[in-house]
Amino acid sequence: VGTLAPRLSALAGKTIGIISNGKEGTKGYFGHLAEMLKTDFGAADVVLRTKSNYSAPADAWIVDEIKRWDAVVTGIGD
């Protein structure tokens, strides 16, 4: 069992990663969220990644990228 990362006080200037399960329902939602994170919350960058298999854990290469992000959003959609 790990420990939770400390909460960010703001998203401005941060890099936010979004991990999608790749189902159709996530495309528009995460695209809109990415735009909001930049325009409304001042995120410096939003990185969109899609898992290769919607029902499996995130790919190792995606997990490896997480250490370069300040926060992560993940979700599912149909």
C-alpha atoms as a PDB file:
ATOM      1  CA  VAL A   1       0.000   0.000   0.000  1.00  0.00           C
ATOM      2  CA  GLY A   2       1.347   3.372  -1.034  1.00  0.00           C
ATOM      3  CA  THR A   3       0.760   6.819   0.281  1.00  0.00           C
ATOM      4  CA  LEU A   4      -1.222   9.540  -1.414  1.00  0.00           C
ATOM      5  CA  ALA A   5       0.674  12.361  -3.079  1.00  0.00           C
ATOM      6  CA  PRO A   6       0.118  15.791  -1.552  1.00  0.00           C
ATOM      7  CA  ARG A   7      -2.645  17.847  -3.134  1.00  0.00           C
ATOM      8  CA  LEU A   8      -1.681  20.623  -5.506  1.00  0.00           C
ATOM      9  CA  SER A   9      -2.631  24.091  -4.349  1.00  0.00           C
ATOM     10  CA  ALA A  10      -3.302  25.133  -7.977  1.00  0.00           C
ATOM     11  CA  LEU A  11      -3.104  23.745 -11.506  1.00  0.00           C
ATOM     12  CA  ALA A  12      -1.541  26.863 -13.030  1.00  0.00           C
ATOM     13  CA  GLY A  13       1.822  26.103 -14.594  1.00  0.00           C
ATOM     14  CA  LYS A  14       1.460  22.358 -14.014  1.00  0.00           C
ATOM     15  CA  THR A  15       1.546  19.395 -16.380  1.00  0.00           C
ATOM     16  CA  ILE A  16      -1.595  17.293 -16.128  1.00  0.00           C
ATOM     17  CA  GLY A  17      -1.791  13.781 -17.567  1.00  0.00           C
ATOM     18  CA  ILE A  18      -5.075  12.277 -18.709  1.00  0.00           C
ATOM     19  CA  ILE A  19      -5.277   8.496 -19.109  1.00  0.00           C
ATOM     20  CA  SER A  20      -8.228   7.213 -21.122  1.00  0.00           C
ATOM     21  CA  ASN A  21      -9.440   3.646 -21.441  1.00  0.00           C
ATOM     22  CA  GLY A  22      -9.913   4.366 -25.140  1.00  0.00           C
ATOM     23  CA  LYS A  23     -13.639   3.887 -25.357  1.00  0.00           C
ATOM     24  CA  GLU A  24     -15.648   6.255 -27.516  1.00  0.00           C
ATOM     25  CA  GLY A  25     -17.282   8.048 -24.578  1.00  0.00           C
ATOM     26  CA  THR A  26     -13.985   9.412 -23.281  1.00  0.00           C
ATOM     27  CA  LYS A  27     -12.820  11.214 -26.436  1.00  0.00           C
ATOM     28  CA  GLY A  28     -15.015  14.297 -26.330  1.00  0.00           C
ATOM     29  CA  TYR A  29     -15.073  14.490 -22.550  1.00  0.00           C
ATOM     30  CA  PHE A  30     -11.308  14.325 -22.088  1.00  0.00           C
ATOM     31  CA  GLY A  31     -10.731  16.666 -25.034  1.00  0.00           C
ATOM     32  CA  HIS A  32     -13.019  19.242 -23.431  1.00  0.00           C
ATOM     33  CA  LEU A  33     -11.420  18.690 -20.015  1.00  0.00           C
ATOM     34  CA  ALA A  34      -7.943  19.192 -21.499  1.00  0.00           C
ATOM     35  CA  GLU A  35      -9.003  22.508 -23.003  1.00  0.00           C
ATOM     36  CA  MET A  36     -10.584  23.627 -19.702  1.00  0.00           C
ATOM     37  CA  LEU A  37      -7.459  22.695 -17.736  1.00  0.00           C
ATOM     38  CA  LYS A  38      -5.422  24.974 -19.989  1.00  0.00           C
ATOM     39  CA  THR A  39      -7.789  27.908 -20.489  1.00  0.00           C
ATOM     40  CA  ASP A  40      -9.674  28.005 -17.186  1.00  0.00           C
ATOM     41  CA  PHE A  41      -7.059  26.676 -14.766  1.00  0.00           C
ATOM     42  CA  GLY A  42      -3.797  27.726 -16.436  1.00  0.00           C
ATOM     43  CA  ALA A  43      -2.236  24.287 -16.822  1.00  0.00           C
ATOM     44  CA  ALA A  44       1.019  24.602 -18.732  1.00  0.00           C
ATOM     45  CA  ASP A  45       0.507  21.312 -20.547  1.00  0.00           C
ATOM     46  CA  VAL A  46      -2.052  18.517 -20.756  1.00  0.00           C
ATOM     47  CA  VAL A  47      -0.799  15.118 -21.892  1.00  0.00           C
ATOM     48  CA  LEU A  48      -3.463  12.777 -23.302  1.00  0.00           C
ATOM     49  CA  ARG A  49      -2.684   9.055 -23.263  1.00  0.00           C
ATOM     50  CA  THR A  50      -4.853   6.079 -24.194  1.00  0.00           C
ATOM     51  CA  LYS A  51      -4.394   2.572 -22.866  1.00  0.00           C
ATOM     52  CA  SER A  52      -3.898  -0.151 -25.469  1.00  0.00           C
ATOM     53  CA  ASN A  53      -6.495  -2.372 -23.771  1.00  0.00           C
ATOM     54  CA  TYR A  54      -9.509  -0.761 -22.134  1.00  0.00           C
ATOM     55  CA  SER A  55      -9.923  -3.528 -19.545  1.00  0.00           C
ATOM     56  CA  ALA A  56      -6.274  -3.815 -18.466  1.00  0.00           C
ATOM     57  CA  PRO A  57      -4.071  -1.581 -16.327  1.00  0.00           C
ATOM     58  CA  ALA A  58      -2.283   1.302 -18.015  1.00  0.00           C
ATOM     59  CA  ASP A  59       0.595   0.286 -20.275  1.00  0.00           C
ATOM     60  CA  ALA A  60       4.064   0.303 -18.691  1.00  0.00           C
ATOM     61  CA  TRP A  61       5.191   3.173 -20.946  1.00  0.00           C
ATOM     62  CA  ILE A  62       2.267   5.296 -19.723  1.00  0.00           C
ATOM     63  CA  VAL A  63       2.982   4.462 -16.078  1.00  0.00           C
ATOM     64  CA  ASP A  64       6.610   5.447 -16.684  1.00  0.00           C
ATOM     65  CA  GLU A  65       5.479   8.869 -17.965  1.00  0.00           C
ATOM     66  CA  ILE A  66       3.423   9.616 -14.845  1.00  0.00           C
ATOM     67  CA  LYS A  67       6.505  10.658 -12.876  1.00  0.00           C
ATOM     68  CA  ARG A  68       6.854  13.653 -15.237  1.00  0.00           C
ATOM     69  CA  TRP A  69       3.304  14.872 -14.584  1.00  0.00           C
ATOM     70  CA  ASP A  70       2.134  16.955 -11.646  1.00  0.00           C
ATOM     71  CA  ALA A  71      -1.341  15.383 -11.558  1.00  0.00           C
ATOM     72  CA  VAL A  72      -3.231  12.577 -13.296  1.00  0.00           C
ATOM     73  CA  VAL A  73      -6.870  12.224 -14.346  1.00  0.00           C
ATOM     74  CA  THR A  74      -8.106   8.811 -15.381  1.00  0.00           C
ATOM     75  CA  GLY A  75     -11.511   7.589 -16.374  1.00  0.00           C
ATOM     76  CA  ILE A  76     -13.666   5.247 -18.347  1.00  0.00           C
ATOM     77  CA  GLY A  77     -16.428   5.742 -20.856  1.00  0.00           C
ATOM     78  CA  ASP A  78     -18.637   3.815 -23.208  1.00  0.00           C
END
